[in-house]
């Protein structure tokens, strides 16, 4: 069995210390990591991913596909600048009394 992790960025996570750990973990589990790679098209009839790796298109056959769409943070988080390009590197701490979905009573 072959497991392949495809990420569109130059590294798995973007933080060197975390990337080092994730690369080592992937290696230990026998996971192939393709960085700077995007899925251009999924051909479900032939069970093939058409990959965009810079100027080199390639194909990757699959038997089981777990495809996760790009994550979009909720609006209340991005309103403060977190989760978008140029935003803060860490999201703000959200305390229960400031979260819009919770109700707190005075202590």
Protein backbone atom coordinates (compact mmCIF):
# COMPACT_ATOMS: atom_id res chain seq x y z
CA UNK A 1 0.00 0.00 0.00
CA UNK A 2 1.21 3.48 -0.85
CA UNK A 3 0.08 6.61 0.99
CA UNK A 4 0.77 10.00 -0.55
CA UNK A 5 0.25 13.40 1.10
CA UNK A 6 -0.10 16.25 -1.39
CA UNK A 7 0.30 19.84 -0.19
CA UNK A 8 0.33 22.98 -2.36
CA UNK A 9 3.03 24.73 -0.28
CA UNK A 10 6.82 24.32 -0.27
CA UNK A 11 6.63 22.53 3.10
CA UNK A 12 4.04 20.47 4.95
CA UNK A 13 3.11 23.06 7.59
CA UNK A 14 5.17 26.22 7.15
CA UNK A 15 6.91 26.29 10.53
CA UNK A 16 10.43 24.77 10.32
CA UNK A 17 10.37 22.92 13.67
CA UNK A 18 6.93 21.47 12.94
CA UNK A 19 7.89 20.60 9.36
CA UNK A 20 10.96 18.70 10.55
CA UNK A 21 8.81 16.59 12.88
CA UNK A 22 6.11 15.98 10.27
CA UNK A 23 8.61 14.99 7.58
CA UNK A 24 10.26 12.54 9.97
CA UNK A 25 6.88 11.14 11.03
CA UNK A 26 5.81 10.71 7.39
CA UNK A 27 9.09 8.95 6.63
CA UNK A 28 8.65 6.56 9.57
CA UNK A 29 5.16 5.64 8.38
CA UNK A 30 6.26 5.28 4.75
CA UNK A 31 4.19 8.24 3.55
CA UNK A 32 5.30 9.93 0.34
CA UNK A 33 5.01 13.72 0.61
CA UNK A 34 4.57 15.82 -2.53
CA UNK A 35 5.10 19.52 -1.80
CA UNK A 36 4.42 22.42 -4.18
CA UNK A 37 1.82 20.19 -5.82
CA UNK A 38 -1.82 20.87 -6.60
CA UNK A 39 -4.55 18.52 -7.74
CA UNK A 40 -5.63 19.94 -11.07
CA UNK A 41 -8.28 17.36 -11.85
CA UNK A 42 -9.68 14.12 -10.48
CA UNK A 43 -10.56 11.51 -13.09
CA UNK A 44 -12.96 9.21 -11.26
CA UNK A 45 -13.38 6.85 -14.21
CA UNK A 46 -9.69 5.96 -14.37
CA UNK A 47 -9.09 6.67 -10.64
CA UNK A 48 -6.32 9.10 -11.45
CA UNK A 49 -5.28 12.44 -9.99
CA UNK A 50 -3.92 14.92 -12.51
CA UNK A 51 -1.31 16.88 -10.61
CA UNK A 52 0.19 20.30 -11.27
CA UNK A 53 3.78 20.38 -10.07
CA UNK A 54 5.03 23.69 -11.40
CA UNK A 55 5.60 23.23 -15.11
CA UNK A 56 5.50 19.44 -14.88
CA UNK A 57 2.04 17.85 -15.08
CA UNK A 58 1.86 14.31 -13.77
CA UNK A 59 -0.64 11.64 -12.88
CA UNK A 60 -1.11 9.65 -9.72
CA UNK A 61 -3.38 6.58 -9.72
CA UNK A 62 -5.39 5.85 -6.59
CA UNK A 63 -7.53 3.11 -5.10
CA UNK A 64 -8.81 5.14 -2.14
CA UNK A 65 -8.93 8.93 -2.20
CA UNK A 66 -9.40 11.19 0.80
CA UNK A 67 -9.55 14.71 -0.61
CA UNK A 68 -9.81 17.69 1.73
CA UNK A 69 -10.84 21.00 0.26
CA UNK A 70 -8.99 24.15 1.27
CA UNK A 71 -9.99 25.28 4.76
CA UNK A 72 -11.78 28.59 5.15
CA UNK A 73 -11.75 29.97 8.70
CA UNK A 74 -15.02 31.38 10.04
CA UNK A 75 -15.75 35.08 9.46
CA UNK A 76 -15.55 35.99 13.16
CA UNK A 77 -11.94 34.78 13.17
CA UNK A 78 -10.84 36.46 9.94
CA UNK A 79 -12.52 39.75 10.97
CA UNK A 80 -9.67 40.26 13.44
CA UNK A 81 -7.00 39.52 10.82
CA UNK A 82 -6.27 35.90 11.71
CA UNK A 83 -6.39 33.19 9.08
CA UNK A 84 -5.77 35.37 6.05
CA UNK A 85 -2.67 36.45 4.15
CA UNK A 86 -1.03 39.32 5.99
CA UNK A 87 -2.98 38.51 9.15
CA UNK A 88 -1.57 37.58 12.50
CA UNK A 89 0.43 34.40 12.63
CA UNK A 90 -1.56 33.13 15.59
CA UNK A 91 -5.31 33.43 16.04
CA UNK A 92 -6.47 35.46 19.01
CA UNK A 93 -7.42 33.68 22.20
CA UNK A 94 -11.19 33.37 22.25
CA UNK A 95 -12.59 33.44 25.73
CA UNK A 96 -16.08 31.97 26.28
CA UNK A 97 -17.60 35.34 27.10
CA UNK A 98 -16.46 36.81 23.76
CA UNK A 99 -17.45 33.92 21.53
CA UNK A 100 -20.68 34.76 19.66
CA UNK A 101 -22.27 31.35 20.20
CA UNK A 102 -21.97 31.26 24.00
CA UNK A 103 -23.89 32.96 26.74
CA UNK A 104 -22.31 33.65 30.05
CA UNK A 105 -23.84 34.95 33.22
CA UNK A 106 -22.08 37.36 35.57
CA UNK A 107 -20.04 35.67 38.28
